[in-house]
Amino acid sequence: MPQTPLPTPSTRATGPVEAPPAFHIMLKPRGAICNLDCAYCYFLSKESLYPDSNFRMSEELLEEYTRQYIQ
């Protein structure tokens, strides 16, 4: 039985699909601890240097960061 290839952007009846340019983003912690809690984090050993410190991103900053990221 012959197989029909799946449609690709160049073979669709409607023509090629325009895609936005690809980009990558990385948000790095600014201190010894962050809110990701990764098991492999090299910052974890420094957590004891900052007792009672809160290095979490504020809700307002997270919202603004997300808004800018998706624009």
N, C-alpha and C. Protein backbone atom coordinates (compact mmCIF):
# COMPACT_ATOMS: atom_id res chain seq x y z
N MET A 1 0.84 -1.16 0.00
CA MET A 1 0.00 0.00 0.00
C MET A 1 0.90 1.24 0.00
N PRO A 2 0.72 2.13 -0.95
CA PRO A 2 1.55 3.34 -0.99
C PRO A 2 1.20 4.28 0.16
N GLN A 3 2.23 4.93 0.67
CA GLN A 3 2.04 5.86 1.78
C GLN A 3 2.11 7.29 1.26
N THR A 4 1.21 8.10 1.75
CA THR A 4 1.21 9.51 1.38
C THR A 4 1.97 10.29 2.45
N PRO A 5 2.94 11.10 2.05
CA PRO A 5 3.68 11.87 3.06
C PRO A 5 2.77 12.87 3.75
N LEU A 6 3.10 13.15 5.01
CA LEU A 6 2.35 14.14 5.77
C LEU A 6 2.57 15.52 5.16
N PRO A 7 1.55 16.37 5.24
CA PRO A 7 1.74 17.73 4.70
C PRO A 7 2.78 18.50 5.51
N THR A 8 3.52 19.29 4.84
CA THR A 8 4.51 20.17 5.47
C THR A 8 4.16 21.60 5.08
N PRO A 9 4.77 22.60 5.70
CA PRO A 9 4.46 23.98 5.32
C PRO A 9 4.62 24.24 3.82
N SER A 10 5.55 23.56 3.18
CA SER A 10 5.78 23.81 1.77
C SER A 10 4.84 23.02 0.86
N THR A 11 4.10 22.03 1.39
CA THR A 11 3.23 21.21 0.54
C THR A 11 1.75 21.41 0.82
N ARG A 12 1.39 22.22 1.79
CA ARG A 12 -0.02 22.47 2.07
C ARG A 12 -0.67 23.22 0.92
N ALA A 13 -1.94 22.96 0.72
CA ALA A 13 -2.67 23.61 -0.36
C ALA A 13 -2.75 25.12 -0.16
N THR A 14 -2.73 25.58 1.05
CA THR A 14 -2.85 27.01 1.33
C THR A 14 -1.53 27.74 1.18
N GLY A 15 -0.47 27.04 0.95
CA GLY A 15 0.84 27.66 0.80
C GLY A 15 1.65 27.61 2.08
N PRO A 16 2.87 28.11 2.03
CA PRO A 16 3.74 28.07 3.21
C PRO A 16 3.15 28.87 4.37
N VAL A 17 3.44 28.41 5.56
CA VAL A 17 2.98 29.08 6.77
C VAL A 17 4.11 29.97 7.28
N GLU A 18 3.78 31.22 7.53
CA GLU A 18 4.76 32.14 8.09
C GLU A 18 4.86 31.90 9.58
N ALA A 19 6.04 31.69 10.09
CA ALA A 19 6.25 31.47 11.52
C ALA A 19 7.05 32.64 12.07
N PRO A 20 6.79 33.01 13.31
CA PRO A 20 7.59 34.08 13.91
C PRO A 20 9.02 33.60 14.09
N PRO A 21 9.96 34.52 14.12
CA PRO A 21 11.36 34.10 14.33
C PRO A 21 11.51 33.41 15.69
N ALA A 22 12.31 32.40 15.71
CA ALA A 22 12.54 31.64 16.95
C ALA A 22 13.47 32.44 17.87
N PHE A 23 13.24 32.30 19.16
CA PHE A 23 14.14 32.90 20.13
C PHE A 23 14.10 32.10 21.41
N HIS A 24 15.11 32.28 22.23
CA HIS A 24 15.23 31.57 23.50
C HIS A 24 15.44 32.60 24.59
N ILE A 25 14.99 32.26 25.77
CA ILE A 25 15.16 33.16 26.90
C ILE A 25 15.53 32.33 28.12
N MET A 26 16.36 32.90 28.96
CA MET A 26 16.73 32.21 30.18
C MET A 26 16.69 33.22 31.32
N LEU A 27 16.05 32.84 32.39
CA LEU A 27 15.98 33.68 33.58
C LEU A 27 16.85 33.03 34.64
N LYS A 28 17.86 33.75 35.08
CA LYS A 28 18.80 33.20 36.06
C LYS A 28 18.50 33.75 37.44
N PRO A 29 18.75 32.95 38.48
CA PRO A 29 18.56 33.47 39.83
C PRO A 29 19.55 34.59 40.11
N ARG A 30 19.12 35.55 40.91
CA ARG A 30 20.02 36.66 41.22
C ARG A 30 20.71 36.48 42.56
N GLY A 31 20.39 35.40 43.25
CA GLY A 31 20.98 35.20 44.56
C GLY A 31 21.26 33.74 44.81
N ALA A 32 21.50 33.45 46.06
CA ALA A 32 21.89 32.09 46.44
C ALA A 32 20.75 31.09 46.34
N ILE A 33 19.51 31.57 46.45
CA ILE A 33 18.38 30.66 46.33
C ILE A 33 17.35 31.26 45.40
N CYS A 34 16.51 30.44 44.83
CA CYS A 34 15.42 30.90 43.97
C CYS A 34 14.22 30.01 44.25
N ASN A 35 13.16 30.19 43.51
CA ASN A 35 11.95 29.42 43.75
C ASN A 35 11.81 28.19 42.84
N LEU A 36 12.87 27.80 42.16
CA LEU A 36 12.79 26.63 41.28
C LEU A 36 13.07 25.32 42.00
N ASP A 37 13.91 25.33 43.00
CA ASP A 37 14.22 24.14 43.81
C ASP A 37 14.78 22.98 42.99
N CYS A 38 15.73 23.26 42.12
CA CYS A 38 16.37 22.22 41.30
C CYS A 38 17.35 21.42 42.15
N ALA A 39 17.33 20.11 42.02
CA ALA A 39 18.20 19.24 42.83
C ALA A 39 19.68 19.42 42.47
N TYR A 40 19.98 19.82 41.26
CA TYR A 40 21.37 19.94 40.80
C TYR A 40 21.96 21.34 40.99
N CYS A 41 21.20 22.27 41.57
CA CYS A 41 21.61 23.67 41.64
C CYS A 41 22.89 23.85 42.44
N TYR A 42 23.86 24.56 41.87
CA TYR A 42 25.12 24.83 42.57
C TYR A 42 24.98 25.97 43.57
N PHE A 43 23.87 26.69 43.55
CA PHE A 43 23.64 27.76 44.52
C PHE A 43 23.17 27.23 45.87
N LEU A 44 22.64 26.00 45.93
CA LEU A 44 22.03 25.51 47.16
C LEU A 44 23.00 25.51 48.34
N SER A 45 24.26 25.25 48.11
CA SER A 45 25.23 25.23 49.21
C SER A 45 25.43 26.62 49.80
N LYS A 46 25.07 27.66 49.09
CA LYS A 46 25.23 29.03 49.58
C LYS A 46 23.99 29.54 50.30
N GLU A 47 22.93 28.75 50.36
CA GLU A 47 21.70 29.17 51.01
C GLU A 47 21.93 29.56 52.47
N SER A 48 22.83 28.86 53.14
CA SER A 48 23.09 29.16 54.56
C SER A 48 23.77 30.52 54.75
N LEU A 49 24.33 31.09 53.70
CA LEU A 49 24.96 32.42 53.80
C LEU A 49 23.93 33.53 53.95
N TYR A 50 22.66 33.24 53.60
CA TYR A 50 21.61 34.25 53.62
C TYR A 50 20.41 33.77 54.43
N PRO A 51 20.57 33.57 55.73
CA PRO A 51 19.44 33.10 56.53
C PRO A 51 18.31 34.13 56.54
N ASP A 52 17.10 33.64 56.56
CA ASP A 52 15.90 34.49 56.61
C ASP A 52 15.78 35.44 55.44
N SER A 53 16.39 35.12 54.31
CA SER A 53 16.29 35.97 53.13
C SER A 53 15.27 35.38 52.16
N ASN A 54 14.58 36.25 51.49
CA ASN A 54 13.61 35.82 50.49
C ASN A 54 14.05 36.33 49.13
N PHE A 55 14.45 35.41 48.27
CA PHE A 55 14.93 35.79 46.95
C PHE A 55 13.92 35.51 45.86
N ARG A 56 12.67 35.32 46.24
CA ARG A 56 11.64 35.04 45.23
C ARG A 56 11.27 36.30 44.47
N MET A 57 10.96 36.10 43.21
CA MET A 57 10.51 37.17 42.36
C MET A 57 9.11 37.61 42.82
N SER A 58 8.88 38.89 42.88
CA SER A 58 7.56 39.37 43.29
C SER A 58 6.52 39.01 42.22
N GLU A 59 5.27 38.95 42.64
CA GLU A 59 4.18 38.64 41.70
C GLU A 59 4.12 39.69 40.59
N GLU A 60 4.33 40.95 40.94
CA GLU A 60 4.29 42.03 39.96
C GLU A 60 5.39 41.87 38.92
N LEU A 61 6.59 41.54 39.38
CA LEU A 61 7.70 41.36 38.46
C LEU A 61 7.48 40.13 37.57
N LEU A 62 6.97 39.06 38.14
CA LEU A 62 6.68 37.87 37.35
C LEU A 62 5.65 38.17 36.28
N GLU A 63 4.62 38.92 36.64
CA GLU A 63 3.59 39.27 35.67
C GLU A 63 4.16 40.11 34.53
N GLU A 64 4.97 41.11 34.86
CA GLU A 64 5.59 41.95 33.84
C GLU A 64 6.54 41.14 32.97
N TYR A 65 7.33 40.28 33.58
CA TYR A 65 8.26 39.42 32.84
C TYR A 65 7.49 38.54 31.85
N THR A 66 6.40 37.93 32.31
CA THR A 66 5.60 37.07 31.45
C THR A 66 4.98 37.86 30.32
N ARG A 67 4.46 39.03 30.62
CA ARG A 67 3.85 39.88 29.60
C ARG A 67 4.87 40.23 28.51
N GLN A 68 6.06 40.63 28.91
CA GLN A 68 7.10 40.97 27.94
C GLN A 68 7.56 39.75 27.15
N TYR A 69 7.60 38.59 27.80
CA TYR A 69 8.05 37.37 27.14
C TYR A 69 7.11 36.97 26.00
N ILE A 70 5.79 37.11 26.21
CA ILE A 70 4.85 36.63 25.18
C ILE A 70 4.56 37.68 24.11
N GLN A 71 5.05 38.89 24.26
CA GLN A 71 4.84 39.91 23.23
C GLN A 71 5.82 39.78 22.10
